[in-house]
Amino acid sequence: MFIRKLSKAALAAIALLLAGCEGGVLDPKGQVGMDEKHLIIVSTLLMLIVVIPVIFMTLYFAWKYRDGRDHEIYAPKWAHSKTIEIVVWLVPVIIVIILGVITWDSTHKLDPYKPLEHQAKPITVQVVSLDWKWLFIYPEQGIASVNELAFPANVPVNFKITSDTAMNSFFIPQLGSQIYSMAGMATKLHLIANEPGTFEGISANYSGAGFAGMKFNAIATPTADDFDAWVAKVKQQGSPLNVEQYKQLAKKSENNPVQYYGSVQQGMFNYIVMQYMHPDSNMKSMGSMSGMEDMEGMHDMGNMEDMKGMDHAQHMQHMQHMKDMDADQTHSSTEQSSIASGEAE
């Protein structure tokens, strides 16, 4: 009777705890999120095989051999037990092996850089984390949005992610994996929504004063036509996004409203990634990286005309810096020659 009541109380407690999981990682709406939820549950159950008996035995022995129970004499007649030794070592070893196999398999299966296998053609979204907002660029549609992400349900989404400032973490809990955004780098993430809906997106890495308001809505439209309608709305309502507009957008601001850009200057994402690179290496990289998968769209910048204005000032500063360095080296060489002549005399 006691065990039955205890089990009912445990089930009620678990149900109460899980009631607050709506909208989180334990309420997945995409295949990646479902696989991760399954991994969490299996790993937890395997570890509870050890944890639950240990907790039970700890409480049982503390009660059985408690102080003041005179009729319970603790007088073990043995000093060693092979059975206990086997159980104590064998069970954890088996669990660790099983967890190792699961980890190996899931690490490759849920690799965020691995494209999802699906019959539908994926769409590409370029993500930029700013202070404190998210910029989403759609290179194929030629649009962009702030703090609103849209894509069709049951269609894979290939994310290319970078940061303009501090490191952030791009995370849509109901769809799956999070991955970091870092300045000067482009990371990848592949997700899919198995059903339409609006899912909350967040930054999972603290990045300053406006971090709490750095949220966005990820909208999985019911059909591709609904997504096309959203794209048409953005093109109609949005303003152009060029370098000057981007510089204004990149300024620090908190709790930003949704904002649309009906057109985007070619190579914008790559400009954002490369803006912290060395000026001369930046220009060279633009010509040599046209075939790189991580910098898709760089071939659109072959004429480099759109990007000249972006780096002209930086390039001139760099050239002046190089001249100053040459002058310093010449002066240093003259001093060394003078010292050497003096020593020779």
C-alpha atoms as a PDB file:
ATOM      1  CA  MET A   1       0.000   0.000   0.000  1.00  0.00           C
ATOM      2  CA  PHE A   2       2.822   2.351   0.906  1.00  0.00           C
ATOM      3  CA  ILE A   3       4.654   1.639  -2.378  1.00  0.00           C
ATOM      4  CA  ARG A   4       1.483   2.251  -4.365  1.00  0.00           C
ATOM      5  CA  LYS A   5       0.888   5.623  -2.704  1.00  0.00           C
ATOM      6  CA  LEU A   6       4.533   6.549  -3.198  1.00  0.00           C
ATOM      7  CA  SER A   7       4.382   5.732  -6.928  1.00  0.00           C
ATOM      8  CA  LYS A   8       1.218   7.813  -7.355  1.00  0.00           C
ATOM      9  CA  ALA A   9       2.852  10.747  -5.587  1.00  0.00           C
ATOM     10  CA  ALA A  10       5.926  10.404  -7.812  1.00  0.00           C
ATOM     11  CA  LEU A  11       3.826  10.355 -10.989  1.00  0.00           C
ATOM     12  CA  ALA A  12       1.911  13.409  -9.836  1.00  0.00           C
ATOM     13  CA  ALA A  13       5.153  15.247  -9.105  1.00  0.00           C
ATOM     14  CA  ILE A  14       6.569  14.354 -12.549  1.00  0.00           C
ATOM     15  CA  ALA A  15       3.373  15.509 -14.271  1.00  0.00           C
ATOM     16  CA  LEU A  16       3.524  18.787 -12.335  1.00  0.00           C
ATOM     17  CA  LEU A  17       7.139  19.370 -13.293  1.00  0.00           C
ATOM     18  CA  LEU A  18       6.549  18.577 -16.964  1.00  0.00           C
ATOM     19  CA  ALA A  19       3.549  20.904 -17.083  1.00  0.00           C
ATOM     20  CA  GLY A  20       5.943  23.841 -17.275  1.00  0.00           C
ATOM     21  CA  CYS A  21       7.810  22.410 -20.278  1.00  0.00           C
ATOM     22  CA  GLU A  22       5.392  23.763 -22.885  1.00  0.00           C
ATOM     23  CA  GLY A  23       7.287  25.656 -25.521  1.00  0.00           C
ATOM     24  CA  GLY A  24      10.703  24.343 -24.459  1.00  0.00           C
ATOM     25  CA  VAL A  25      13.067  21.561 -25.444  1.00  0.00           C
ATOM     26  CA  LEU A  26      10.668  18.941 -24.033  1.00  0.00           C
ATOM     27  CA  ASP A  27       7.901  20.180 -26.338  1.00  0.00           C
ATOM     28  CA  PRO A  28       9.622  19.806 -29.731  1.00  0.00           C
ATOM     29  CA  LYS A  29       7.985  20.747 -33.026  1.00  0.00           C
ATOM     30  CA  GLY A  30      10.802  19.705 -35.358  1.00  0.00           C
ATOM     31  CA  GLN A  31      12.647  16.503 -36.150  1.00  0.00           C
ATOM     32  CA  VAL A  32      15.941  17.709 -34.670  1.00  0.00           C
ATOM     33  CA  GLY A  33      14.187  18.724 -31.456  1.00  0.00           C
ATOM     34  CA  MET A  34      12.407  15.345 -31.263  1.00  0.00           C
ATOM     35  CA  ASP A  35      15.670  13.452 -31.629  1.00  0.00           C
ATOM     36  CA  GLU A  36      17.273  15.580 -28.925  1.00  0.00           C
ATOM     37  CA  LYS A  37      14.322  15.040 -26.572  1.00  0.00           C
ATOM     38  CA  HIS A  38      14.622  11.270 -27.093  1.00  0.00           C
ATOM     39  CA  LEU A  39      18.348  11.495 -26.316  1.00  0.00           C
ATOM     40  CA  ILE A  40      17.698  13.440 -23.107  1.00  0.00           C
ATOM     41  CA  ILE A  41      15.085  10.939 -21.897  1.00  0.00           C
ATOM     42  CA  VAL A  42      17.166   7.826 -22.697  1.00  0.00           C
ATOM     43  CA  SER A  43      20.283   9.275 -21.032  1.00  0.00           C
ATOM     44  CA  THR A  44      18.326  10.283 -17.926  1.00  0.00           C
ATOM     45  CA  LEU A  45      16.714   6.855 -17.545  1.00  0.00           C
ATOM     46  CA  LEU A  46      20.066   5.099 -17.922  1.00  0.00           C
ATOM     47  CA  MET A  47      21.623   7.235 -15.207  1.00  0.00           C
ATOM     48  CA  LEU A  48      18.611   6.727 -12.922  1.00  0.00           C
ATOM     49  CA  ILE A  49      19.388   2.985 -12.932  1.00  0.00           C
ATOM     50  CA  VAL A  50      22.244   3.847 -10.570  1.00  0.00           C
ATOM     51  CA  VAL A  51      20.856   6.957  -8.907  1.00  0.00           C
ATOM     52  CA  ILE A  52      17.513   5.547  -7.706  1.00  0.00           C
ATOM     53  CA  PRO A  53      18.909   2.403  -5.968  1.00  0.00           C
ATOM     54  CA  VAL A  54      21.627   4.471  -4.298  1.00  0.00           C
ATOM     55  CA  ILE A  55      19.101   6.982  -2.964  1.00  0.00           C
ATOM     56  CA  PHE A  56      16.792   4.194  -1.788  1.00  0.00           C
ATOM     57  CA  MET A  57      19.564   2.260  -0.039  1.00  0.00           C
ATOM     58  CA  THR A  58      20.906   5.408   1.602  1.00  0.00           C
ATOM     59  CA  LEU A  59      17.534   6.187   3.147  1.00  0.00           C
ATOM     60  CA  TYR A  60      16.872   2.524   4.043  1.00  0.00           C
ATOM     61  CA  PHE A  61      20.203   1.970   5.798  1.00  0.00           C
ATOM     62  CA  ALA A  62      19.933   5.271   7.656  1.00  0.00           C
ATOM     63  CA  TRP A  63      16.538   4.195   8.946  1.00  0.00           C
ATOM     64  CA  LYS A  64      17.430   0.551   9.652  1.00  0.00           C
ATOM     65  CA  TYR A  65      20.635   1.271  11.573  1.00  0.00           C
ATOM     66  CA  ARG A  66      19.577   4.512  13.188  1.00  0.00           C
ATOM     67  CA  ASP A  67      20.855   5.451  16.620  1.00  0.00           C
ATOM     68  CA  GLY A  68      18.618   4.303  19.481  1.00  0.00           C
ATOM     69  CA  ARG A  69      17.442   1.092  17.815  1.00  0.00           C
ATOM     70  CA  ASP A  70      18.973  -1.281  20.348  1.00  0.00           C
ATOM     71  CA  HIS A  71      17.464  -4.497  19.012  1.00  0.00           C
ATOM     72  CA  GLU A  72      19.062  -3.968  15.604  1.00  0.00           C
ATOM     73  CA  ILE A  73      22.643  -5.081  16.071  1.00  0.00           C
ATOM     74  CA  TYR A  74      24.978  -4.387  13.174  1.00  0.00           C
ATOM     75  CA  ALA A  75      27.498  -7.213  13.207  1.00  0.00           C
ATOM     76  CA  PRO A  76      28.582  -8.177   9.663  1.00  0.00           C
ATOM     77  CA  LYS A  77      30.198 -11.598   9.408  1.00  0.00           C
ATOM     78  CA  TRP A  78      32.155 -10.886   6.269  1.00  0.00           C
ATOM     79  CA  ALA A  79      34.882  -8.509   5.171  1.00  0.00           C
ATOM     80  CA  HIS A  80      34.577  -8.873   1.395  1.00  0.00           C
ATOM     81  CA  SER A  81      31.871  -9.811  -1.102  1.00  0.00           C
ATOM     82  CA  LYS A  82      32.625 -10.606  -4.730  1.00  0.00           C
ATOM     83  CA  THR A  83      28.958 -10.239  -5.594  1.00  0.00           C
ATOM     84  CA  ILE A  84      28.821  -6.668  -4.292  1.00  0.00           C
ATOM     85  CA  GLU A  85      32.088  -5.803  -6.014  1.00  0.00           C
ATOM     86  CA  ILE A  86      30.800  -7.160  -9.339  1.00  0.00           C
ATOM     87  CA  VAL A  87      27.523  -5.241  -9.070  1.00  0.00           C
ATOM     88  CA  VAL A  88      29.204  -2.013  -7.944  1.00  0.00           C
ATOM     89  CA  TRP A  89      31.648  -2.034 -10.867  1.00  0.00           C
ATOM     90  CA  LEU A  90      29.858  -3.929 -13.619  1.00  0.00           C
ATOM     91  CA  VAL A  91      26.606  -1.950 -13.670  1.00  0.00           C
ATOM     92  CA  PRO A  92      28.277   1.503 -14.038  1.00  0.00           C
ATOM     93  CA  VAL A  93      30.676   0.141 -16.669  1.00  0.00           C
ATOM     94  CA  ILE A  94      27.780  -1.225 -18.725  1.00  0.00           C
ATOM     95  CA  ILE A  95      25.904   2.080 -18.432  1.00  0.00           C
ATOM     96  CA  VAL A  96      28.978   4.078 -19.471  1.00  0.00           C
ATOM     97  CA  ILE A  97      29.474   1.829 -22.506  1.00  0.00           C
ATOM     98  CA  ILE A  98      25.839   2.215 -23.544  1.00  0.00           C
ATOM     99  CA  LEU A  99      26.029   5.997 -23.084  1.00  0.00           C
ATOM    100  CA  GLY A 100      29.253   6.045 -25.101  1.00  0.00           C
ATOM    101  CA  VAL A 101      27.590   4.242 -28.021  1.00  0.00           C
ATOM    102  CA  ILE A 102      24.575   6.565 -27.860  1.00  0.00           C
ATOM    103  CA  THR A 103      26.858   9.614 -27.698  1.00  0.00           C
ATOM    104  CA  TRP A 104      28.875   8.478 -30.727  1.00  0.00           C
ATOM    105  CA  ASP A 105      25.759   7.821 -32.781  1.00  0.00           C
ATOM    106  CA  SER A 106      23.896  10.990 -31.779  1.00  0.00           C
ATOM    107  CA  THR A 107      26.964  13.203 -32.202  1.00  0.00           C
ATOM    108  CA  HIS A 108      27.138  12.283 -35.880  1.00  0.00           C
ATOM    109  CA  LYS A 109      23.390  12.106 -36.436  1.00  0.00           C
ATOM    110  CA  LEU A 110      22.677  15.483 -34.813  1.00  0.00           C
ATOM    111  CA  ASP A 111      25.732  17.297 -36.157  1.00  0.00           C
ATOM    112  CA  PRO A 112      24.467  20.891 -36.640  1.00  0.00           C
ATOM    113  CA  TYR A 113      26.638  21.267 -39.756  1.00  0.00           C
ATOM    114  CA  LYS A 114      25.087  18.206 -41.397  1.00  0.00           C
ATOM    115  CA  PRO A 115      22.283  19.062 -43.879  1.00  0.00           C
ATOM    116  CA  LEU A 116      18.935  17.430 -43.183  1.00  0.00           C
ATOM    117  CA  GLU A 117      17.798  14.698 -45.541  1.00  0.00           C
ATOM    118  CA  HIS A 118      14.441  15.770 -46.925  1.00  0.00           C
ATOM    119  CA  GLN A 119      12.624  15.703 -50.235  1.00  0.00           C
ATOM    120  CA  ALA A 120      11.831  19.419 -50.082  1.00  0.00           C
ATOM    121  CA  LYS A 121      14.392  21.939 -51.319  1.00  0.00           C
ATOM    122  CA  PRO A 122      15.883  23.801 -48.346  1.00  0.00           C
ATOM    123  CA  ILE A 123      15.895  27.571 -48.006  1.00  0.00           C
ATOM    124  CA  THR A 124      18.895  29.585 -46.820  1.00  0.00           C
ATOM    125  CA  VAL A 125      18.765  32.201 -44.079  1.00  0.00           C
ATOM    126  CA  GLN A 126      21.781  34.261 -43.029  1.00  0.00           C
ATOM    127  CA  VAL A 127      21.643  35.228 -39.347  1.00  0.00           C
ATOM    128  CA  VAL A 128      23.494  38.134 -37.723  1.00  0.00           C
ATOM    129  CA  SER A 129      23.403  38.762 -33.985  1.00  0.00           C
ATOM    130  CA  LEU A 130      23.593  42.441 -33.064  1.00  0.00           C
ATOM    131  CA  ASP A 131      23.312  44.483 -29.861  1.00  0.00           C
ATOM    132  CA  TRP A 132      20.568  43.478 -28.974  1.00  0.00           C
ATOM    133  CA  LYS A 133      18.579  42.130 -31.870  1.00  0.00           C
ATOM    134  CA  TRP A 134      18.654  39.567 -34.652  1.00  0.00           C
ATOM    135  CA  LEU A 135      19.029  40.319 -38.351  1.00  0.00           C
ATOM    136  CA  PHE A 136      17.809  37.665 -40.815  1.00  0.00           C
ATOM    137  CA  ILE A 137      18.928  37.964 -44.434  1.00  0.00           C
ATOM    138  CA  TYR A 138      17.277  35.895 -47.178  1.00  0.00           C
ATOM    139  CA  PRO A 139      19.814  35.868 -50.042  1.00  0.00           C
ATOM    140  CA  GLU A 140      17.565  33.917 -52.401  1.00  0.00           C
ATOM    141  CA  GLN A 141      14.573  36.217 -51.847  1.00  0.00           C
ATOM    142  CA  GLY A 142      16.626  39.413 -51.583  1.00  0.00           C
ATOM    143  CA  ILE A 143      14.989  40.587 -48.336  1.00  0.00           C
ATOM    144  CA  ALA A 144      15.841  40.914 -44.652  1.00  0.00           C
ATOM    145  CA  SER A 145      14.014  41.245 -41.346  1.00  0.00           C
ATOM    146  CA  VAL A 146      14.789  42.133 -37.753  1.00  0.00           C
ATOM    147  CA  ASN A 147      13.498  39.972 -34.891  1.00  0.00           C
ATOM    148  CA  GLU A 148      11.175  37.975 -37.141  1.00  0.00           C
ATOM    149  CA  LEU A 149      12.096  34.767 -38.911  1.00  0.00           C
ATOM    150  CA  ALA A 150       9.746  33.031 -41.333  1.00  0.00           C
ATOM    151  CA  PHE A 151      10.025  29.791 -43.295  1.00  0.00           C
ATOM    152  CA  PRO A 152       7.634  27.107 -44.588  1.00  0.00           C
ATOM    153  CA  ALA A 153       6.779  24.145 -42.377  1.00  0.00           C
ATOM    154  CA  ASN A 154       8.192  20.785 -43.488  1.00  0.00           C
ATOM    155  CA  VAL A 155      11.005  22.520 -45.378  1.00  0.00           C
ATOM    156  CA  PRO A 156      14.640  22.336 -44.162  1.00  0.00           C
ATOM    157  CA  VAL A 157      16.252  25.653 -43.278  1.00  0.00           C
ATOM    158  CA  ASN A 158      20.000  26.122 -43.738  1.00  0.00           C
ATOM    159  CA  PHE A 159      21.224  28.797 -41.345  1.00  0.00           C
ATOM    160  CA  LYS A 160      24.525  30.620 -41.770  1.00  0.00           C
ATOM    161  CA  ILE A 161      25.265  32.490 -38.559  1.00  0.00           C
ATOM    162  CA  THR A 162      27.672  35.246 -37.543  1.00  0.00           C
ATOM    163  CA  SER A 163      27.892  38.106 -35.059  1.00  0.00           C
ATOM    164  CA  ASP A 164      28.599  41.795 -35.425  1.00  0.00           C
ATOM    165  CA  THR A 165      29.621  42.214 -31.799  1.00  0.00           C
ATOM    166  CA  ALA A 166      29.885  39.901 -28.805  1.00  0.00           C
ATOM    167  CA  MET A 167      29.436  36.156 -29.052  1.00  0.00           C
ATOM    168  CA  ASN A 168      25.796  35.088 -28.889  1.00  0.00           C
ATOM    169  CA  SER A 169      23.915  31.809 -29.167  1.00  0.00           C
ATOM    170  CA  PHE A 170      21.193  31.284 -31.773  1.00  0.00           C
ATOM    171  CA  PHE A 171      18.528  29.026 -30.255  1.00  0.00           C
ATOM    172  CA  ILE A 172      14.954  28.042 -31.124  1.00  0.00           C
ATOM    173  CA  PRO A 173      14.245  25.563 -28.278  1.00  0.00           C
ATOM    174  CA  GLN A 174      11.281  23.793 -29.901  1.00  0.00           C
ATOM    175  CA  LEU A 175      13.139  23.185 -33.148  1.00  0.00           C
ATOM    176  CA  GLY A 176      16.435  21.933 -31.798  1.00  0.00           C
ATOM    177  CA  SER A 177      20.119  22.659 -31.479  1.00  0.00           C
ATOM    178  CA  GLN A 178      21.644  25.968 -30.529  1.00  0.00           C
ATOM    179  CA  ILE A 179      24.901  27.197 -32.016  1.00  0.00           C
ATOM    180  CA  TYR A 180      27.126  30.159 -31.289  1.00  0.00           C
ATOM    181  CA  SER A 181      27.475  33.275 -33.414  1.00  0.00           C
ATOM    182  CA  MET A 182      30.945  34.819 -33.431  1.00  0.00           C
ATOM    183  CA  ALA A 183      32.358  37.911 -35.120  1.00  0.00           C
ATOM    184  CA  GLY A 184      34.574  37.165 -38.104  1.00  0.00           C
ATOM    185  CA  MET A 185      33.274  33.612 -38.362  1.00  0.00           C
ATOM    186  CA  ALA A 186      30.325  31.885 -40.026  1.00  0.00           C
ATOM    187  CA  THR A 187      28.780  28.888 -38.276  1.00  0.00           C
ATOM    188  CA  LYS A 188      26.014  26.618 -39.561  1.00  0.00           C
ATOM    189  CA  LEU A 189      22.796  25.099 -38.308  1.00  0.00           C
ATOM    190  CA  HIS A 190      20.143  22.994 -40.049  1.00  0.00           C
ATOM    191  CA  LEU A 191      16.602  22.848 -38.642  1.00  0.00           C
ATOM    192  CA  ILE A 192      13.087  21.954 -39.747  1.00  0.00           C
ATOM    193  CA  ALA A 193       9.596  22.530 -38.344  1.00  0.00           C
ATOM    194  CA  ASN A 194       7.327  19.500 -38.692  1.00  0.00           C
ATOM    195  CA  GLU A 195       4.213  21.584 -38.169  1.00  0.00           C
ATOM    196  CA  PRO A 196       3.188  25.224 -38.624  1.00  0.00           C
ATOM    197  CA  GLY A 197       3.288  27.570 -35.694  1.00  0.00           C
ATOM    198  CA  THR A 198       5.131  30.438 -34.050  1.00  0.00           C
ATOM    199  CA  PHE A 199       8.103  29.452 -31.913  1.00  0.00           C
ATOM    200  CA  GLU A 200      10.134  31.642 -29.596  1.00  0.00           C
ATOM    201  CA  GLY A 201      13.768  32.233 -30.491  1.00  0.00           C
ATOM    202  CA  ILE A 202      16.329  33.481 -28.002  1.00  0.00           C
ATOM    203  CA  SER A 203      19.996  34.063 -27.381  1.00  0.00           C
ATOM    204  CA  ALA A 204      21.333  31.443 -24.982  1.00  0.00           C
ATOM    205  CA  ASN A 205      24.531  33.366 -24.253  1.00  0.00           C
ATOM    206  CA  TYR A 206      24.602  36.508 -22.096  1.00  0.00           C
ATOM    207  CA  SER A 207      25.826  39.464 -24.134  1.00  0.00           C
ATOM    208  CA  GLY A 208      25.159  42.606 -22.146  1.00  0.00           C
ATOM    209  CA  ALA A 209      22.515  44.971 -20.853  1.00  0.00           C
ATOM    210  CA  GLY A 210      19.870  44.306 -23.528  1.00  0.00           C
ATOM    211  CA  PHE A 211      20.245  40.529 -23.477  1.00  0.00           C
ATOM    212  CA  ALA A 212      16.829  39.937 -21.868  1.00  0.00           C
ATOM    213  CA  GLY A 213      15.030  41.525 -24.818  1.00  0.00           C
ATOM    214  CA  MET A 214      17.054  39.750 -27.492  1.00  0.00           C
ATOM    215  CA  LYS A 215      14.185  37.540 -28.656  1.00  0.00           C
ATOM    216  CA  PHE A 216      12.480  36.835 -31.952  1.00  0.00           C
ATOM    217  CA  ASN A 217       9.553  34.897 -33.393  1.00  0.00           C
ATOM    218  CA  ALA A 218      10.255  31.970 -35.699  1.00  0.00           C
ATOM    219  CA  ILE A 219       7.151  31.569 -37.863  1.00  0.00           C
ATOM    220  CA  ALA A 220       6.643  28.259 -39.654  1.00  0.00           C
ATOM    221  CA  THR A 221       4.013  29.024 -42.300  1.00  0.00           C
ATOM    222  CA  PRO A 222       1.500  26.269 -43.185  1.00  0.00           C
ATOM    223  CA  THR A 223       2.388  26.254 -46.892  1.00  0.00           C
ATOM    224  CA  ALA A 224       5.006  27.583 -49.293  1.00  0.00           C
ATOM    225  CA  ASP A 225       2.410  30.002 -50.677  1.00  0.00           C
ATOM    226  CA  ASP A 226       1.998  31.521 -47.210  1.00  0.00           C
ATOM    227  CA  PHE A 227       5.762  31.994 -47.043  1.00  0.00           C
ATOM    228  CA  ASP A 228       5.738  33.648 -50.470  1.00  0.00           C
ATOM    229  CA  ALA A 229       3.001  35.972 -49.228  1.00  0.00           C
ATOM    230  CA  TRP A 230       5.190  36.909 -46.251  1.00  0.00           C
ATOM    231  CA  VAL A 231       8.108  37.603 -48.606  1.00  0.00           C
ATOM    232  CA  ALA A 232       5.870  39.810 -50.760  1.00  0.00           C
ATOM    233  CA  LYS A 233       4.754  41.735 -47.663  1.00  0.00           C
ATOM    234  CA  VAL A 234       8.365  42.344 -46.621  1.00  0.00           C
ATOM    235  CA  LYS A 235       9.269  43.571 -50.120  1.00  0.00           C
ATOM    236  CA  GLN A 236       6.316  45.921 -50.136  1.00  0.00           C
ATOM    237  CA  GLN A 237       6.709  47.335 -46.630  1.00  0.00           C
ATOM    238  CA  GLY A 238      10.471  47.199 -46.203  1.00  0.00           C
ATOM    239  CA  SER A 239      13.152  49.773 -46.962  1.00  0.00           C
ATOM    240  CA  PRO A 240      16.483  48.980 -48.692  1.00  0.00           C
ATOM    241  CA  LEU A 241      19.311  47.549 -46.580  1.00  0.00           C
ATOM    242  CA  ASN A 242      22.682  48.868 -47.649  1.00  0.00           C
ATOM    243  CA  VAL A 243      25.912  49.531 -45.799  1.00  0.00           C
ATOM    244  CA  GLU A 244      24.810  52.867 -44.380  1.00  0.00           C
ATOM    245  CA  GLN A 245      21.485  51.451 -43.219  1.00  0.00           C
ATOM    246  CA  TYR A 246      23.275  48.512 -41.675  1.00  0.00           C
ATOM    247  CA  LYS A 247      25.626  50.776 -39.718  1.00  0.00           C
ATOM    248  CA  GLN A 248      22.603  52.520 -38.236  1.00  0.00           C
ATOM    249  CA  LEU A 249      20.971  49.191 -37.446  1.00  0.00           C
ATOM    250  CA  ALA A 250      24.131  47.862 -35.797  1.00  0.00           C
ATOM    251  CA  LYS A 251      24.068  50.556 -33.117  1.00  0.00           C
ATOM    252  CA  LYS A 252      23.136  49.348 -29.646  1.00  0.00           C
ATOM    253  CA  SER A 253      19.406  49.301 -28.930  1.00  0.00           C
ATOM    254  CA  GLU A 254      17.099  47.304 -26.677  1.00  0.00           C
ATOM    255  CA  ASN A 255      13.697  45.638 -27.168  1.00  0.00           C
ATOM    256  CA  ASN A 256      13.672  46.307 -30.898  1.00  0.00           C
ATOM    257  CA  PRO A 257      10.386  45.980 -32.793  1.00  0.00           C
ATOM    258  CA  VAL A 258      10.052  43.888 -35.937  1.00  0.00           C
ATOM    259  CA  GLN A 259      11.541  45.652 -38.937  1.00  0.00           C
ATOM    260  CA  TYR A 260      11.547  44.741 -42.642  1.00  0.00           C
ATOM    261  CA  TYR A 261      13.971  45.412 -45.494  1.00  0.00           C
ATOM    262  CA  GLY A 262      12.545  44.984 -48.994  1.00  0.00           C
ATOM    263  CA  SER A 263      15.943  44.686 -50.655  1.00  0.00           C
ATOM    264  CA  VAL A 264      19.454  43.843 -49.523  1.00  0.00           C
ATOM    265  CA  GLN A 265      22.744  44.954 -51.026  1.00  0.00           C
ATOM    266  CA  GLN A 266      24.587  42.015 -52.550  1.00  0.00           C
ATOM    267  CA  GLY A 267      27.289  40.480 -50.364  1.00  0.00           C
ATOM    268  CA  MET A 268      25.990  42.059 -47.156  1.00  0.00           C
ATOM    269  CA  PHE A 269      26.437  38.938 -45.027  1.00  0.00           C
ATOM    270  CA  ASN A 270      29.984  38.443 -46.285  1.00  0.00           C
ATOM    271  CA  TYR A 271      30.786  42.093 -45.640  1.00  0.00           C
ATOM    272  CA  ILE A 272      29.596  41.650 -42.041  1.00  0.00           C
ATOM    273  CA  VAL A 273      31.768  38.558 -41.594  1.00  0.00           C
ATOM    274  CA  MET A 274      34.843  40.107 -43.201  1.00  0.00           C
ATOM    275  CA  GLN A 275      34.620  43.625 -41.740  1.00  0.00           C
ATOM    276  CA  TYR A 276      36.946  42.757 -38.846  1.00  0.00           C
ATOM    277  CA  MET A 277      39.559  41.172 -41.085  1.00  0.00           C
ATOM    278  CA  HIS A 278      42.799  42.896 -42.147  1.00  0.00           C
ATOM    279  CA  PRO A 279      41.888  45.397 -44.911  1.00  0.00           C
ATOM    280  CA  ASP A 280      44.253  44.029 -47.584  1.00  0.00           C
ATOM    281  CA  SER A 281      43.539  40.399 -46.715  1.00  0.00           C
ATOM    282  CA  ASN A 282      39.849  41.291 -46.775  1.00  0.00           C
ATOM    283  CA  MET A 283      40.056  42.374 -50.407  1.00  0.00           C
ATOM    284  CA  LYS A 284      42.169  39.373 -51.385  1.00  0.00           C
ATOM    285  CA  SER A 285      39.815  36.998 -49.626  1.00  0.00           C
ATOM    286  CA  MET A 286      36.864  38.343 -51.580  1.00  0.00           C
ATOM    287  CA  GLY A 287      38.466  37.209 -54.798  1.00  0.00           C
ATOM    288  CA  SER A 288      39.700  33.838 -53.543  1.00  0.00           C
ATOM    289  CA  MET A 289      36.675  32.718 -51.543  1.00  0.00           C
ATOM    290  CA  SER A 290      34.117  32.715 -54.355  1.00  0.00           C
ATOM    291  CA  GLY A 291      34.007  28.920 -54.391  1.00  0.00           C
ATOM    292  CA  MET A 292      33.878  28.369 -50.646  1.00  0.00           C
ATOM    293  CA  GLU A 293      30.685  26.828 -49.328  1.00  0.00           C
ATOM    294  CA  ASP A 294      30.836  28.819 -46.104  1.00  0.00           C
ATOM    295  CA  MET A 295      30.792  32.082 -48.083  1.00  0.00           C
ATOM    296  CA  GLU A 296      28.009  31.282 -50.505  1.00  0.00           C
ATOM    297  CA  GLY A 297      27.078  34.301 -52.557  1.00  0.00           C
ATOM    298  CA  MET A 298      30.589  35.766 -52.700  1.00  0.00           C
ATOM    299  CA  HIS A 299      30.604  35.116 -56.468  1.00  0.00           C
ATOM    300  CA  ASP A 300      27.953  37.822 -56.778  1.00  0.00           C
ATOM    301  CA  MET A 301      30.632  40.286 -55.778  1.00  0.00           C
ATOM    302  CA  GLY A 302      32.992  39.449 -58.651  1.00  0.00           C
ATOM    303  CA  ASN A 303      32.999  42.983 -59.991  1.00  0.00           C
ATOM    304  CA  MET A 304      33.723  44.292 -56.451  1.00  0.00           C
ATOM    305  CA  GLU A 305      32.025  47.578 -57.332  1.00  0.00           C
ATOM    306  CA  ASP A 306      29.424  47.246 -54.578  1.00  0.00           C
ATOM    307  CA  MET A 307      32.088  46.610 -51.978  1.00  0.00           C
ATOM    308  CA  LYS A 308      34.565  49.362 -52.883  1.00  0.00           C
ATOM    309  CA  GLY A 309      32.718  51.941 -50.851  1.00  0.00           C
ATOM    310  CA  MET A 310      32.625  49.605 -47.845  1.00  0.00           C
ATOM    311  CA  ASP A 311      36.384  49.241 -47.472  1.00  0.00           C
ATOM    312  CA  HIS A 312      37.802  52.410 -49.064  1.00  0.00           C
ATOM    313  CA  ALA A 313      38.267  54.257 -45.774  1.00  0.00           C
ATOM    314  CA  GLN A 314      39.678  51.199 -44.024  1.00  0.00           C
ATOM    315  CA  HIS A 315      42.005  50.572 -46.954  1.00  0.00           C
ATOM    316  CA  MET A 316      43.359  54.145 -46.899  1.00  0.00           C
ATOM    317  CA  GLN A 317      43.970  53.912 -43.149  1.00  0.00           C
ATOM    318  CA  HIS A 318      45.777  50.650 -43.677  1.00  0.00           C
ATOM    319  CA  MET A 319      47.983  52.116 -46.425  1.00  0.00           C
ATOM    320  CA  GLN A 320      48.959  55.027 -44.147  1.00  0.00           C
ATOM    321  CA  HIS A 321      49.705  52.540 -41.377  1.00  0.00           C
ATOM    322  CA  MET A 322      51.938  50.544 -43.728  1.00  0.00           C
ATOM    323  CA  LYS A 323      53.819  53.701 -44.728  1.00  0.00           C
ATOM    324  CA  ASP A 324      54.408  54.547 -41.068  1.00  0.00           C
ATOM    325  CA  MET A 325      55.691  51.032 -40.456  1.00  0.00           C
ATOM    326  CA  ASP A 326      58.071  51.287 -43.425  1.00  0.00           C
ATOM    327  CA  ALA A 327      59.368  54.603 -42.104  1.00  0.00           C
ATOM    328  CA  ASP A 328      59.929  53.093 -38.660  1.00  0.00           C
ATOM    329  CA  GLN A 329      61.743  50.120 -40.159  1.00  0.00           C
ATOM    330  CA  THR A 330      63.973  52.422 -42.263  1.00  0.00           C
ATOM    331  CA  HIS A 331      64.781  54.550 -39.211  1.00  0.00           C
ATOM    332  CA  SER A 332      65.531  51.411 -37.178  1.00  0.00           C
ATOM    333  CA  SER A 333      67.793  50.043 -39.898  1.00  0.00           C
ATOM    334  CA  THR A 334      69.732  53.351 -40.048  1.00  0.00           C
ATOM    335  CA  GLU A 335      70.261  53.297 -36.281  1.00  0.00           C
ATOM    336  CA  GLN A 336      71.461  49.690 -36.385  1.00  0.00           C
ATOM    337  CA  SER A 337      73.910  50.544 -39.184  1.00  0.00           C
ATOM    338  CA  SER A 338      75.264  53.460 -37.182  1.00  0.00           C
ATOM    339  CA  ILE A 339      75.737  51.279 -34.121  1.00  0.00           C
ATOM    340  CA  ALA A 340      77.478  48.615 -36.170  1.00  0.00           C
ATOM    341  CA  SER A 341      79.833  51.226 -37.705  1.00  0.00           C
ATOM    342  CA  GLY A 342      80.682  52.565 -34.273  1.00  0.00           C
ATOM    343  CA  GLU A 343      81.489  49.111 -32.964  1.00  0.00           C
ATOM    344  CA  ALA A 344      83.675  48.407 -35.975  1.00  0.00           C
ATOM    345  CA  GLU A 345      85.695  51.594 -35.333  1.00  0.00           C
END
